[in-house]
C-alpha cells in the first residue's frame, strides 16, 4: 500500500513540475483508461508526455 501511495503522489507532483492541474489531468486520464491499452498508450498518459501531446 505504501508503494501505491508513493506512485500516486509522484504522479501528482509530476503534474506540478510540468504545470498541469493534477485534478484536470487525473480526471482526463481516468476517463481514457481501457483494459486493453498497451504500454505505449499508457506511457502517453504520464504527465510529461501528456503535456507534450497537448502543446
Protein backbone atom coordinates (compact mmCIF):
# COMPACT_ATOMS: atom_id res chain seq x y z
CA UNK A 1 0.00 0.00 0.00
CA UNK A 2 2.82 2.43 0.76
CA UNK A 3 4.32 1.80 -2.67
CA UNK A 4 0.97 2.52 -4.34
CA UNK A 5 0.70 5.80 -2.42
CA UNK A 6 4.24 6.77 -3.39
CA UNK A 7 3.45 6.19 -7.07
CA UNK A 8 0.22 8.19 -6.85
CA UNK A 9 1.88 11.14 -5.11
CA UNK A 10 4.78 11.04 -7.57
CA UNK A 11 2.33 11.35 -10.44
CA UNK A 12 0.63 14.31 -8.78
CA UNK A 13 3.97 16.00 -8.13
CA UNK A 14 4.94 15.38 -11.74
CA UNK A 15 1.84 17.31 -12.77
CA UNK A 16 3.05 20.28 -10.74
CA UNK A 17 6.51 20.08 -12.31
CA UNK A 18 5.12 20.21 -15.85
CA UNK A 19 2.48 22.77 -14.86
CA UNK A 20 -0.63 20.64 -15.20
CA UNK A 21 -3.56 20.88 -12.84
CA UNK A 22 -3.47 17.49 -11.10
CA UNK A 23 -7.25 17.19 -10.84
CA UNK A 24 -7.77 18.02 -14.53
CA UNK A 25 -5.05 15.57 -15.58
CA UNK A 26 -6.37 12.79 -13.35
CA UNK A 27 -9.98 13.30 -14.48
CA UNK A 28 -8.98 13.14 -18.15
CA UNK A 29 -6.64 10.18 -17.75
CA UNK A 30 -9.11 8.10 -15.76
CA UNK A 31 -11.69 8.70 -18.50
CA UNK A 32 -9.25 7.45 -21.16
CA UNK A 33 -8.02 4.26 -19.48
CA UNK A 34 -9.13 0.98 -21.06
CA UNK A 35 -8.46 -2.62 -20.10
CA UNK A 36 -6.81 -3.40 -23.43
CA UNK A 37 -4.31 -0.49 -23.57
CA UNK A 38 -0.76 -1.36 -24.48
CA UNK A 39 2.28 0.01 -22.64
CA UNK A 40 2.95 2.77 -25.18
CA UNK A 41 -0.60 4.10 -24.86
CA UNK A 42 -0.31 4.14 -21.07
CA UNK A 43 3.07 5.88 -21.23
CA UNK A 44 1.47 8.68 -23.28
CA UNK A 45 -0.84 9.40 -20.33
CA UNK A 46 2.01 10.11 -17.89
CA UNK A 47 2.16 13.82 -17.02
CA UNK A 48 5.26 14.76 -19.05
CA UNK A 49 4.15 13.04 -22.26
CA UNK A 50 0.53 14.08 -21.72
CA UNK A 51 1.60 17.73 -21.50
CA UNK A 52 3.73 17.44 -24.67
CA UNK A 53 0.81 15.92 -26.57
CA UNK A 54 -1.33 18.93 -25.62
CA UNK A 55 1.15 21.55 -26.89
